[in-house]
Amino acid sequence: MSTKTRRQTSQPRTMVWPTLPVADLITHVPALPDADPALTESIQDTGVQEPLYIATLGDGTYRVVDGLRRLASAVAAALDTVPVTYRPVIRVGALDKHPGNVRQDLKLTKEFRTSIRENGVRTAILIRRTDAGLEVVDGHRRLLGAIAEKVSHIPYTYDEVSDASAYVDMVATAVHRESLTAAEQATALFQAAELGATTKQLAAAAGSTQKDAKTLVKVGQSKAVAKVGAANLTLTDLARIAELEETAPDLAEEVEAAIAEEPGANHGWRIHEAARKAENRQRAAEHRAKLEATGAQFREIAELSEKARPVNEIKGLKWDGAAHADCKGDAWVLEYPNASSYTRYCTNVALYGHAIMGEAKKITKGERKRIITGNGAWDAAVAVRQEWLAGLIGRKTHPRATTDVMLRIAAEAMLSADHVIQNKQSHPKRTALLGAWLGMPEGKRTHKNVTERAATVRRNPAHLFAVIAACYELYIPRTTWRTDGHHAHSQARTDAARYLGWLAELGYEPTPIEQAAASGAAYDPTAQTAPAAEQVEAEESGTLA
């Protein structure tokens, strides 16, 4: 017998396979098949190209699972050792990609290719047999990485799966590795559902509840979602876009345009704000229908003169202004396009003999609209921020770097005798907010239960950070974004800047209105962006009209 194992000389590069003595392998083979002359001749020239798949038995011996023909030819070729693998592998050239691969961007990063070049493909791909050959169900990224690095063999598992199950499997594995975008995931689950996959299968594939799986399937049908598919949006964001496509197409188009212009930006607040506007439109329509049933009169805001005033400013009327119904100037007005209800007005307070309460400066229509729009943008930012916090705090584990930042923030807040924590640590709403972030059922969010859960800091430092975040969320007021009047030097803006800085360290991307509040800049809610520094200076000096 030869005293060496022949080296492979084929062009594709492969891992250096471990070897075992031929004598050890044939000892436990009841009967070798006859050696194939052509294979024997090939092995004499180039060695064993395909490693033998073997299993280690409990007594330390080996069983050949696949490769008896190669072993017989190795014996005939007088080889001492043969290459082996302890799990099944297959030649890269024998595989075909799935025609409906759900991943749009395979992301063959430098790091990923380096890993394959150094270590080969470590995670088995899933394949199935079709009329056309062997088709990859899961593992397209690994397959293309192996091809790029000229790796000859990769590990595999084999299963007979239906078309629907193939889509489910692609989603299930991709979600837990190089993540699919939510839109890619939704599209794939919709395709799987169309092919007959059950909701239970879809939920298992996506690692979600069946309710969320149903939402994903619905989202996957949306043309608007398909247009923003490359953006990194959450399922909640996508569901809102799909809903907007049905209820407020113009708002959906505005969102699509903004995302197309800045695909990498944080658009959650914008989507939430658009959804709020759509809800307000529905409420306003319902309010108008009720008013019409009573014979109410309506006016457009642009039709009103400077002598028109909301009835809540008229002296002597109750808060609801019902007594004004008999006034000839009684009219209902939608004060701005996406208001949630109509406001009762008197079209001419002087003509109809009304007196105005107090001598307070009248807020112009433009200023009123600015404040209302800005408040809406701030509310949207708060909602998106708290959704992000719920996701962060609700994770079972966090990277060490993240927990280090959380603990540093906690130490910084406590050692500085933080006035926000002192002010809000006993706030009744803090318990409910903190309980929600900690994943507690609504009925269990008592002060005692929430305190006990939050005290498990050693197991999860995020609980300590959650206590601090809850205090800040309750402390920072809705007016934080405003720079007019006494709001210009608000302590809340200083506190918000500190808090938002902490969140940014943990990965949160502040919305434009939050960025403006943290930097001390004025915010133009109609432009939905923080103005340039020179504009801020002009506003502060009073040189802007």
Protein backbone atom coordinates (compact mmCIF):
# COMPACT_ATOMS: atom_id res chain seq x y z
CA MET A 1 0.00 0.00 0.00
CA SER A 2 1.02 3.59 -0.59
CA THR A 3 2.17 5.48 2.51
CA LYS A 4 0.58 8.81 1.54
CA THR A 5 -2.84 10.25 0.79
CA ARG A 6 -2.98 11.83 -2.67
CA ARG A 7 -3.76 15.55 -2.65
CA GLN A 8 -6.67 16.98 -4.53
CA THR A 9 -5.73 19.02 -7.60
CA SER A 10 -9.11 20.27 -8.80
CA GLN A 11 -9.52 23.98 -9.42
CA PRO A 12 -12.16 24.75 -6.73
CA ARG A 13 -10.63 25.20 -3.30
CA THR A 14 -11.92 23.11 -0.42
CA MET A 15 -11.41 22.78 3.29
CA VAL A 16 -8.50 20.60 4.38
CA TRP A 17 -10.42 17.46 5.24
CA PRO A 18 -9.38 15.31 8.20
CA THR A 19 -8.21 11.83 7.23
CA LEU A 20 -8.58 8.34 8.71
CA PRO A 21 -6.68 5.13 7.99
CA VAL A 22 -8.36 2.96 5.39
CA ALA A 23 -7.67 -0.06 7.60
CA ASP A 24 -9.74 1.41 10.46
CA LEU A 25 -12.67 2.04 8.16
CA ILE A 26 -12.81 -1.34 6.39
CA THR A 27 -12.60 -3.25 9.68
CA HIS A 28 -16.24 -2.46 10.47
CA VAL A 29 -17.61 -2.75 6.94
CA PRO A 30 -19.37 -6.14 6.53
CA ALA A 31 -18.62 -6.26 2.78
CA LEU A 32 -17.06 -3.73 0.44
CA PRO A 33 -18.61 -3.39 -3.02
CA ASP A 34 -16.47 -4.21 -6.03
CA ALA A 35 -14.11 -1.39 -6.93
CA ASP A 36 -15.19 0.62 -9.98
CA PRO A 37 -12.29 0.59 -12.47
CA ALA A 38 -12.90 4.14 -13.74
CA LEU A 39 -13.20 5.55 -10.22
CA THR A 40 -10.12 3.62 -9.10
CA GLU A 41 -8.11 5.07 -11.99
CA SER A 42 -9.30 8.58 -11.12
CA ILE A 43 -8.36 8.12 -7.47
CA GLN A 44 -4.91 6.86 -8.46
CA ASP A 45 -4.40 10.11 -10.41
CA THR A 46 -6.02 12.77 -8.20
CA GLY A 47 -6.89 11.16 -4.87
CA VAL A 48 -10.31 10.92 -3.26
CA GLN A 49 -12.13 14.10 -4.28
CA GLU A 50 -15.31 13.54 -2.28
CA PRO A 51 -14.75 13.00 1.47
CA LEU A 52 -16.43 9.98 3.01
CA TYR A 53 -19.28 10.81 5.38
CA ILE A 54 -18.72 8.81 8.56
CA ALA A 55 -20.28 8.49 12.01
CA THR A 56 -18.40 7.84 15.23
CA LEU A 57 -19.88 4.98 17.24
CA GLY A 58 -20.05 4.73 21.01
CA ASP A 59 -17.08 2.35 21.24
CA GLY A 60 -14.81 4.73 19.30
CA THR A 61 -15.07 2.93 15.98
CA TYR A 62 -16.46 4.36 12.75
CA ARG A 63 -19.31 3.61 10.40
CA VAL A 64 -19.26 4.76 6.77
CA VAL A 65 -22.59 6.46 6.14
CA ASP A 66 -21.84 7.51 2.57
CA GLY A 67 -18.82 6.65 0.41
CA LEU A 68 -18.43 2.85 0.30
CA ARG A 69 -17.71 2.95 -3.47
CA ARG A 70 -14.95 5.51 -2.90
CA LEU A 71 -13.57 3.44 -0.01
CA ALA A 72 -13.48 0.30 -2.18
CA SER A 73 -11.62 2.17 -4.94
CA ALA A 74 -9.22 3.67 -2.36
CA VAL A 75 -8.39 0.13 -1.23
CA ALA A 76 -7.85 -0.92 -4.86
CA ALA A 77 -5.65 2.17 -5.41
CA ALA A 78 -3.55 1.20 -2.37
CA LEU A 79 -4.21 4.39 -0.37
CA ASP A 80 -3.37 4.39 3.34
CA THR A 81 -5.77 7.17 4.34
CA VAL A 82 -8.84 8.87 2.92
CA PRO A 83 -10.44 12.27 3.59
CA VAL A 84 -13.55 12.13 5.79
CA THR A 85 -16.30 14.43 7.03
CA TYR A 86 -18.41 13.95 10.13
CA ARG A 87 -21.46 15.52 8.50
CA PRO A 88 -22.81 15.27 4.96
CA VAL A 89 -21.39 17.65 2.35
CA ILE A 90 -22.22 18.21 -1.29
CA ARG A 91 -20.40 19.65 -4.28
CA VAL A 92 -21.28 23.31 -4.85
CA GLY A 93 -21.65 22.71 -8.58
CA ALA A 94 -24.48 20.24 -8.01
CA LEU A 95 -26.82 22.87 -6.55
CA ASP A 96 -29.32 25.31 -8.04
CA LYS A 97 -30.71 28.47 -6.39
CA HIS A 98 -34.40 28.64 -5.54
CA PRO A 99 -36.09 30.78 -8.26
CA GLY A 100 -38.17 32.63 -5.67
CA ASN A 101 -35.44 33.39 -3.15
CA VAL A 102 -36.99 35.91 -0.74
CA ARG A 103 -33.82 37.80 0.08
CA GLN A 104 -33.35 40.73 -2.30
CA ASP A 105 -29.91 41.70 -1.04
CA LEU A 106 -27.58 38.78 -0.24
CA LYS A 107 -25.00 41.08 1.41
CA LEU A 108 -21.78 39.18 0.67
CA THR A 109 -19.76 41.39 2.99
CA LYS A 110 -15.99 41.29 3.22
CA GLU A 111 -16.29 39.78 6.70
CA PHE A 112 -18.68 37.09 5.51
CA ARG A 113 -16.43 36.07 2.62
CA THR A 114 -13.37 36.07 4.86
CA SER A 115 -15.15 33.72 7.26
CA ILE A 116 -15.96 31.29 4.45
CA ARG A 117 -12.44 31.55 3.04
CA GLU A 118 -10.92 30.72 6.42
CA ASN A 119 -13.43 28.29 7.88
CA GLY A 120 -15.63 27.11 5.05
CA VAL A 121 -19.42 27.07 5.37
CA ARG A 122 -20.19 26.07 8.94
CA THR A 123 -23.99 26.03 8.86
CA ALA A 124 -25.66 23.42 6.67
CA ILE A 125 -27.87 24.58 3.81
CA LEU A 126 -31.30 23.04 3.25
CA ILE A 127 -31.93 21.48 -0.15
CA ARG A 128 -34.77 19.65 -1.85
CA ARG A 129 -35.02 17.58 -5.02
CA THR A 130 -37.06 18.93 -7.93
CA ASP A 131 -37.53 17.84 -11.53
CA ALA A 132 -34.72 20.22 -12.46
CA GLY A 133 -32.23 18.89 -9.88
CA LEU A 134 -31.16 19.83 -6.36
CA GLU A 135 -32.59 23.18 -5.29
CA VAL A 136 -31.50 25.31 -2.32
CA VAL A 137 -34.36 26.20 0.03
CA ASP A 138 -32.30 27.89 2.73
CA GLY A 139 -28.70 28.99 2.38
CA HIS A 140 -28.47 31.10 -0.79
CA ARG A 141 -26.12 33.55 0.86
CA ARG A 142 -23.84 30.74 2.04
CA LEU A 143 -23.96 29.10 -1.40
CA LEU A 144 -22.99 32.31 -3.24
CA GLY A 145 -20.28 32.98 -0.65
CA ALA A 146 -18.86 29.50 -1.27
CA ILE A 147 -18.94 30.07 -5.04
CA ALA A 148 -17.24 33.47 -4.64
CA GLU A 149 -14.47 31.91 -2.55
CA LYS A 150 -14.22 28.80 -4.79
CA VAL A 151 -15.07 26.42 -1.96
CA SER A 152 -15.82 23.03 -3.49
CA HIS A 153 -18.13 21.46 -0.87
CA ILE A 154 -20.62 22.73 1.68
CA PRO A 155 -22.62 20.89 4.37
CA TYR A 156 -26.28 20.23 3.68
CA THR A 157 -29.46 18.73 5.00
CA TYR A 158 -32.04 17.24 2.70
CA ASP A 159 -35.81 17.40 3.00
CA GLU A 160 -38.83 16.97 0.79
CA VAL A 161 -40.79 20.20 1.14
CA SER A 162 -43.69 21.75 -0.77
CA ASP A 163 -43.47 25.10 -2.57
CA ALA A 164 -45.27 26.80 0.32
CA SER A 165 -42.96 25.21 2.91
CA ALA A 166 -39.93 26.29 0.86
CA TYR A 167 -40.93 29.94 1.27
CA VAL A 168 -41.64 29.39 4.97
CA ASP A 169 -38.20 27.80 5.48
CA MET A 170 -36.43 30.65 3.67
CA VAL A 171 -38.09 33.20 5.96
CA ALA A 172 -37.58 31.17 9.15
CA THR A 173 -33.83 30.89 8.78
CA ALA A 174 -33.14 34.26 7.17
CA VAL A 175 -34.99 36.11 9.95
CA HIS A 176 -32.58 34.73 12.54
CA ARG A 177 -29.37 35.32 10.59
CA GLU A 178 -28.61 38.25 8.27
CA SER A 179 -32.01 39.73 8.86
CA LEU A 180 -34.53 40.24 6.11
CA THR A 181 -36.10 43.64 6.04
CA ALA A 182 -39.65 43.59 7.37
CA ALA A 183 -40.93 44.24 3.85
CA GLU A 184 -38.97 41.28 2.40
CA GLN A 185 -40.29 39.10 5.20
CA ALA A 186 -43.86 40.26 4.59
CA THR A 187 -43.62 39.63 0.86
CA ALA A 188 -42.27 36.12 1.38
CA LEU A 189 -44.91 35.20 3.94
CA PHE A 190 -47.63 36.50 1.64
CA GLN A 191 -46.25 34.26 -1.14
CA ALA A 192 -46.14 31.31 1.25
CA ALA A 193 -49.73 31.98 2.35
CA GLU A 194 -50.85 32.15 -1.27
CA LEU A 195 -49.26 28.72 -1.81
CA GLY A 196 -51.17 27.24 1.11
CA ALA A 197 -48.99 27.71 4.21
CA THR A 198 -50.98 27.87 7.44
CA THR A 199 -50.90 30.81 9.84
CA LYS A 200 -49.21 28.54 12.39
CA GLN A 201 -46.43 27.75 9.90
CA LEU A 202 -46.01 31.41 9.03
CA ALA A 203 -45.80 32.44 12.68
CA ALA A 204 -43.19 29.78 13.41
CA ALA A 205 -41.15 30.84 10.39
CA ALA A 206 -41.16 34.51 11.33
CA GLY A 207 -40.67 33.87 15.04
CA SER A 208 -43.80 35.88 15.76
CA THR A 209 -47.30 35.48 17.09
CA GLN A 210 -50.00 34.28 14.73
CA LYS A 211 -51.55 37.75 14.97
CA ASP A 212 -48.32 39.35 13.73
CA ALA A 213 -48.00 36.69 11.02
CA LYS A 214 -51.46 37.64 9.74
CA THR A 215 -50.39 41.28 9.75
CA LEU A 216 -47.27 40.40 7.77
CA VAL A 217 -49.33 38.56 5.16
CA LYS A 218 -51.63 41.56 4.81
CA VAL A 219 -48.66 43.91 4.59
CA GLY A 220 -47.11 41.70 1.91
CA GLN A 221 -49.99 42.52 -0.45
CA SER A 222 -49.43 46.28 -0.26
CA LYS A 223 -47.99 48.05 -3.29
CA ALA A 224 -46.98 50.96 -1.08
CA VAL A 225 -44.98 48.62 1.16
CA ALA A 226 -43.27 47.12 -1.90
CA LYS A 227 -42.11 50.61 -2.89
CA VAL A 228 -40.42 51.19 0.48
CA GLY A 229 -39.19 47.61 0.86
CA ALA A 230 -35.50 48.53 0.95
CA ALA A 231 -35.97 50.85 3.95
CA ASN A 232 -35.33 49.44 7.40
CA LEU A 233 -38.86 49.79 8.79
CA THR A 234 -40.59 47.86 11.55
CA LEU A 235 -43.66 45.69 11.10
CA THR A 236 -45.68 48.40 12.84
CA ASP A 237 -44.40 50.98 10.35
CA LEU A 238 -45.26 48.77 7.38
CA ALA A 239 -48.71 47.94 8.73
CA ARG A 240 -49.41 51.66 9.06
CA ILE A 241 -48.26 52.29 5.49
CA ALA A 242 -50.48 49.48 4.21
CA GLU A 243 -53.41 50.94 6.13
CA LEU A 244 -52.69 54.43 4.77
CA GLU A 245 -52.72 53.02 1.25
CA GLU A 246 -56.36 52.08 1.81
CA THR A 247 -57.60 54.98 3.94
CA ALA A 248 -55.47 57.98 2.91
CA PRO A 249 -53.55 57.38 -0.35
CA ASP A 250 -52.26 60.96 -0.42
CA LEU A 251 -50.62 60.51 2.98
CA ALA A 252 -49.17 57.15 1.90
CA GLU A 253 -47.65 58.87 -1.15
CA GLU A 254 -46.14 61.59 1.05
CA VAL A 255 -44.52 58.93 3.23
CA GLU A 256 -43.25 57.02 0.19
CA ALA A 257 -41.71 60.20 -1.25
CA ALA A 258 -39.96 61.06 2.03
CA ILE A 259 -38.54 57.54 2.38
CA ALA A 260 -37.39 57.52 -1.24
CA GLU A 261 -35.58 60.82 -0.65
CA GLU A 262 -33.84 59.62 2.54
CA PRO A 263 -34.09 55.79 2.68
CA GLY A 264 -31.67 55.51 5.59
CA ALA A 265 -33.34 58.09 7.85
CA ASN A 266 -35.64 57.47 10.79
CA HIS A 267 -39.13 57.61 9.30
CA GLY A 268 -41.07 55.97 12.12
CA TRP A 269 -42.23 59.33 13.47
CA ARG A 270 -43.33 60.45 10.00
CA ILE A 271 -45.34 57.26 9.45
CA HIS A 272 -46.91 57.53 12.91
CA GLU A 273 -47.83 61.17 12.25
CA ALA A 274 -49.41 60.25 8.90
CA ALA A 275 -51.41 57.51 10.61
CA ARG A 276 -52.56 60.02 13.25
CA LYS A 277 -53.69 62.41 10.52
CA ALA A 278 -55.67 59.63 8.83
CA GLU A 279 -57.34 58.76 12.14
CA ASN A 280 -58.13 62.43 12.71
CA ARG A 281 -59.74 62.67 9.29
CA GLN A 282 -61.99 59.74 10.14
CA ARG A 283 -62.96 61.26 13.48
CA ALA A 284 -63.63 64.62 11.84
CA ALA A 285 -65.85 62.94 9.23
CA GLU A 286 -67.80 61.19 11.99
CA HIS A 287 -68.10 64.47 13.92
CA ARG A 288 -69.37 66.31 10.84
CA ALA A 289 -71.97 63.61 10.18
CA LYS A 290 -73.34 64.04 13.71
CA LEU A 291 -73.40 67.83 13.34
CA GLU A 292 -75.14 67.64 9.96
CA ALA A 293 -77.86 65.54 11.56
CA THR A 294 -78.63 68.51 13.85
CA GLY A 295 -78.76 71.01 10.98
CA ALA A 296 -75.43 72.67 11.82
CA GLN A 297 -73.86 75.21 9.45
CA PHE A 298 -70.26 74.92 8.26
CA ARG A 299 -67.65 77.41 7.07
CA GLU A 300 -64.17 77.06 5.62
CA ILE A 301 -61.43 78.56 7.80
CA ALA A 302 -60.30 80.71 4.86
CA GLU A 303 -63.78 82.26 4.63
CA LEU A 304 -63.67 83.72 8.14
CA SER A 305 -62.81 87.35 8.79
CA GLU A 306 -60.64 88.69 11.60
CA LYS A 307 -63.86 89.34 13.56
CA ALA A 308 -64.61 85.61 13.80
CA ARG A 309 -63.65 83.88 17.06
CA PRO A 310 -64.05 80.42 18.60
CA VAL A 311 -67.02 80.45 20.94
CA ASN A 312 -64.86 79.28 23.86
CA GLU A 313 -63.42 82.82 23.87
CA ILE A 314 -66.87 84.43 24.20
CA LYS A 315 -67.74 85.73 27.64
CA GLY A 316 -70.74 84.18 29.38
CA LEU A 317 -70.91 80.88 27.46
CA LYS A 318 -70.41 77.46 29.00
CA TRP A 319 -67.46 75.35 27.88
CA ASP A 320 -69.43 73.57 25.15
CA GLY A 321 -70.89 76.78 23.66
CA ALA A 322 -74.31 75.12 23.22
CA ALA A 323 -76.09 78.42 23.97
CA HIS A 324 -74.53 79.90 20.85
CA ALA A 325 -76.63 77.65 18.61
CA ASP A 326 -79.29 80.38 18.37
CA CYS A 327 -76.77 83.00 17.15
CA LYS A 328 -76.98 83.87 13.44
CA GLY A 329 -73.18 83.70 13.32
CA ASP A 330 -73.06 80.13 14.61
CA ALA A 331 -70.86 77.93 12.38
CA TRP A 332 -68.58 74.91 12.64
CA VAL A 333 -65.07 75.10 11.24
CA LEU A 334 -62.33 72.57 10.54
CA GLU A 335 -59.46 74.73 11.76
CA TYR A 336 -56.72 72.88 9.90
CA PRO A 337 -56.72 70.08 7.30
CA ASN A 338 -56.14 67.12 9.61
CA ALA A 339 -57.99 68.26 12.72
CA SER A 340 -59.85 65.49 14.54
CA SER A 341 -63.02 67.54 15.10
CA TYR A 342 -64.83 70.71 14.09
CA THR A 343 -64.62 73.84 16.26
CA ARG A 344 -67.63 76.05 16.97
CA TYR A 345 -67.17 79.66 15.85
CA CYS A 346 -69.07 82.92 15.80
CA THR A 347 -68.46 84.42 12.38
CA ASN A 348 -68.62 88.02 13.70
CA VAL A 349 -68.55 88.58 17.46
CA ALA A 350 -69.03 92.37 17.22
CA LEU A 351 -71.97 92.19 14.82
CA TYR A 352 -73.82 89.66 16.95
CA GLY A 353 -73.21 91.44 20.26
CA HIS A 354 -70.66 89.19 21.98
CA ALA A 355 -67.90 90.20 24.35
CA ILE A 356 -64.50 88.45 24.38
CA MET A 357 -63.05 87.10 27.61
CA GLY A 358 -59.97 88.86 28.96
CA GLU A 359 -57.42 90.95 27.15
CA ALA A 360 -55.06 88.14 26.24
CA LYS A 361 -53.21 88.47 22.98
CA LYS A 362 -55.07 86.78 20.18
CA ILE A 363 -53.22 83.89 18.58
CA THR A 364 -53.17 84.21 14.81
CA LYS A 365 -54.45 81.43 12.60
CA GLY A 366 -50.93 80.76 11.37
CA GLU A 367 -49.50 80.56 14.87
CA ARG A 368 -52.33 78.34 16.06
CA LYS A 369 -51.75 76.00 13.15
CA ARG A 370 -48.00 75.96 13.86
CA ILE A 371 -48.54 75.03 17.50
CA ILE A 372 -51.12 72.35 16.72
CA THR A 373 -48.98 70.84 13.97
CA GLY A 374 -45.87 70.94 16.15
CA ASN A 375 -47.69 69.30 19.05
CA GLY A 376 -48.79 66.55 16.69
CA ALA A 377 -45.22 66.01 15.50
CA TRP A 378 -44.01 65.89 19.11
CA ASP A 379 -46.72 63.37 20.05
CA ALA A 380 -45.66 61.20 17.10
CA ALA A 381 -42.03 61.40 18.22
CA VAL A 382 -42.98 60.38 21.77
CA ALA A 383 -44.99 57.40 20.50
CA VAL A 384 -42.16 56.19 18.28
CA ARG A 385 -39.57 56.75 21.01
CA GLN A 386 -41.57 54.76 23.54
CA GLU A 387 -42.08 51.95 21.02
CA TRP A 388 -38.31 51.86 20.58
CA LEU A 389 -37.76 51.83 24.35
CA ALA A 390 -40.23 48.97 24.75
CA GLY A 391 -38.23 46.95 22.22
CA LEU A 392 -34.90 47.78 23.84
CA ILE A 393 -35.95 47.11 27.42
CA GLY A 394 -38.00 44.04 26.50
CA ARG A 395 -35.04 42.13 25.06
CA LYS A 396 -33.99 39.09 27.07
CA THR A 397 -30.30 39.80 26.54
CA HIS A 398 -28.22 42.81 25.53
CA PRO A 399 -24.65 43.15 24.25
CA ARG A 400 -22.11 43.93 26.93
CA ALA A 401 -21.45 47.34 25.41
CA THR A 402 -25.15 48.23 25.72
CA THR A 403 -25.44 47.18 29.36
CA ASP A 404 -22.26 49.10 30.16
CA VAL A 405 -23.85 52.28 28.76
CA MET A 406 -27.07 51.63 30.71
CA LEU A 407 -25.18 51.19 33.97
CA ARG A 408 -23.10 54.30 33.33
CA ILE A 409 -26.26 56.34 32.68
CA ALA A 410 -27.80 55.00 35.88
CA ALA A 411 -24.72 55.92 37.89
CA GLU A 412 -24.57 59.36 36.29
CA ALA A 413 -28.24 60.06 37.05
CA MET A 414 -28.13 58.81 40.63
CA LEU A 415 -24.81 60.33 41.66
CA SER A 416 -25.91 63.74 40.37
CA ALA A 417 -29.12 63.69 42.47
CA ASP A 418 -31.12 63.94 39.26
CA HIS A 419 -34.08 66.26 39.83
CA VAL A 420 -36.16 64.52 37.13
CA ILE A 421 -36.01 61.19 38.97
CA GLN A 422 -36.73 62.88 42.28
CA ASN A 423 -39.71 64.65 40.73
CA LYS A 424 -41.29 61.66 38.99
CA GLN A 425 -40.22 58.58 40.95
CA SER A 426 -43.63 58.43 42.67
CA HIS A 427 -45.73 59.46 39.68
CA PRO A 428 -48.76 57.13 39.41
CA LYS A 429 -48.34 56.72 35.64
CA ARG A 430 -44.73 55.58 36.04
CA THR A 431 -45.86 52.17 37.30
CA ALA A 432 -48.03 51.51 34.25
CA LEU A 433 -45.38 52.69 31.79
CA LEU A 434 -42.59 50.73 33.45
CA GLY A 435 -44.75 47.62 33.72
CA ALA A 436 -45.50 47.74 30.00
CA TRP A 437 -41.80 48.04 29.13
CA LEU A 438 -40.97 45.11 31.40
CA GLY A 439 -43.49 42.95 29.54
CA MET A 440 -45.96 42.58 32.39
CA PRO A 441 -49.66 41.88 31.68
CA GLU A 442 -51.84 44.93 32.21
CA GLY A 443 -53.64 43.41 35.19
CA LYS A 444 -50.33 42.69 36.96
CA ARG A 445 -48.83 46.19 36.76
CA THR A 446 -49.26 47.04 40.42
CA HIS A 447 -46.66 49.12 42.23
CA LYS A 448 -45.51 46.08 44.23
CA ASN A 449 -45.18 43.78 41.20
CA VAL A 450 -43.46 46.35 39.04
CA THR A 451 -41.01 47.23 41.83
CA GLU A 452 -40.11 43.57 42.31
CA ARG A 453 -39.57 43.06 38.58
CA ALA A 454 -37.50 46.22 38.22
CA ALA A 455 -35.35 45.11 41.16
CA THR A 456 -33.95 42.16 39.14
CA VAL A 457 -31.11 44.40 38.01
CA ARG A 458 -28.38 41.80 38.33
CA ARG A 459 -30.11 39.60 35.76
CA ASN A 460 -30.97 42.48 33.45
CA PRO A 461 -29.44 45.97 33.85
CA ALA A 462 -32.05 47.27 31.38
CA HIS A 463 -34.56 47.22 34.25
CA LEU A 464 -32.55 49.86 36.11
CA PHE A 465 -32.32 51.99 33.00
CA ALA A 466 -36.07 51.56 32.47
CA VAL A 467 -36.78 53.21 35.83
CA ILE A 468 -34.77 56.26 34.80
CA ALA A 469 -36.28 56.40 31.31
CA ALA A 470 -39.83 56.20 32.69
CA CYS A 471 -39.19 59.23 34.91
CA TYR A 472 -37.88 61.27 31.96
CA GLU A 473 -40.73 60.22 29.68
CA LEU A 474 -43.23 61.52 32.24
CA TYR A 475 -41.27 64.66 33.03
CA ILE A 476 -40.57 66.11 29.59
CA PRO A 477 -43.68 68.12 28.56
CA ARG A 478 -45.36 68.42 25.20
CA THR A 479 -44.19 72.04 24.91
CA THR A 480 -40.50 71.08 24.96
CA TRP A 481 -40.15 71.75 21.23
CA ARG A 482 -41.43 75.34 21.42
CA THR A 483 -39.12 78.36 21.52
CA ASP A 484 -41.73 81.13 21.62
CA GLY A 485 -42.22 83.26 24.74
CA HIS A 486 -41.27 81.70 28.05
CA HIS A 487 -40.63 78.34 26.36
CA ALA A 488 -37.37 79.65 24.88
CA HIS A 489 -35.37 79.04 28.06
CA SER A 490 -37.26 76.05 29.40
CA GLN A 491 -35.41 73.72 31.79
CA ALA A 492 -37.27 70.91 30.04
CA ARG A 493 -35.21 71.49 26.89
CA THR A 494 -31.99 71.06 28.87
CA ASP A 495 -33.31 67.87 30.45
CA ALA A 496 -34.56 66.59 27.08
CA ALA A 497 -31.12 67.17 25.54
CA ARG A 498 -29.49 65.12 28.27
CA TYR A 499 -32.04 62.31 27.99
CA LEU A 500 -32.00 62.16 24.18
CA GLY A 501 -28.20 62.07 24.30
CA TRP A 502 -28.40 58.95 26.48
CA LEU A 503 -30.84 57.30 24.11
CA ALA A 504 -28.65 58.12 21.11
CA GLU A 505 -25.76 56.30 22.83
CA LEU A 506 -28.01 53.24 23.01
CA GLY A 507 -28.85 53.40 19.31
CA TYR A 508 -31.94 55.61 19.16
CA GLU A 509 -32.15 58.05 16.26
CA PRO A 510 -33.93 61.23 17.42
CA THR A 511 -36.59 62.63 15.10
CA PRO A 512 -36.17 66.11 13.60
CA ILE A 513 -38.35 67.75 16.24
CA GLU A 514 -36.37 66.02 19.01
CA GLN A 515 -33.10 67.07 17.39
CA ALA A 516 -34.30 70.67 17.36
CA ALA A 517 -35.38 70.52 21.01
CA ALA A 518 -32.06 68.97 22.09
CA SER A 519 -29.97 71.52 20.17
CA GLY A 520 -32.00 74.55 21.26
CA ALA A 521 -33.03 75.32 17.68
CA ALA A 522 -36.48 76.46 16.60
CA TYR A 523 -38.57 73.91 14.77
CA ASP A 524 -40.73 74.56 11.73
CA PRO A 525 -43.46 71.91 11.82
CA THR A 526 -44.60 72.73 8.30
CA ALA A 527 -41.14 71.93 6.89
CA GLN A 528 -40.74 69.03 9.39
CA THR A 529 -37.08 69.77 9.81
CA ALA A 530 -34.86 71.74 12.12
CA PRO A 531 -33.86 75.08 10.53
CA ALA A 532 -30.33 76.15 9.78
CA ALA A 533 -28.34 78.00 12.45
CA GLU A 534 -28.60 81.35 10.65
CA GLN A 535 -32.41 81.03 10.59
CA VAL A 536 -32.46 80.35 14.34
CA GLU A 537 -30.36 83.45 14.95
CA ALA A 538 -32.70 85.54 12.78
CA GLU A 539 -35.74 84.33 14.68
CA GLU A 540 -34.12 85.06 18.04
CA SER A 541 -33.14 88.57 16.94
CA GLY A 542 -36.62 89.28 15.63
CA THR A 543 -35.53 89.97 12.06
CA LEU A 544 -37.83 87.35 10.54
CA ALA A 545 -41.35 88.41 9.60
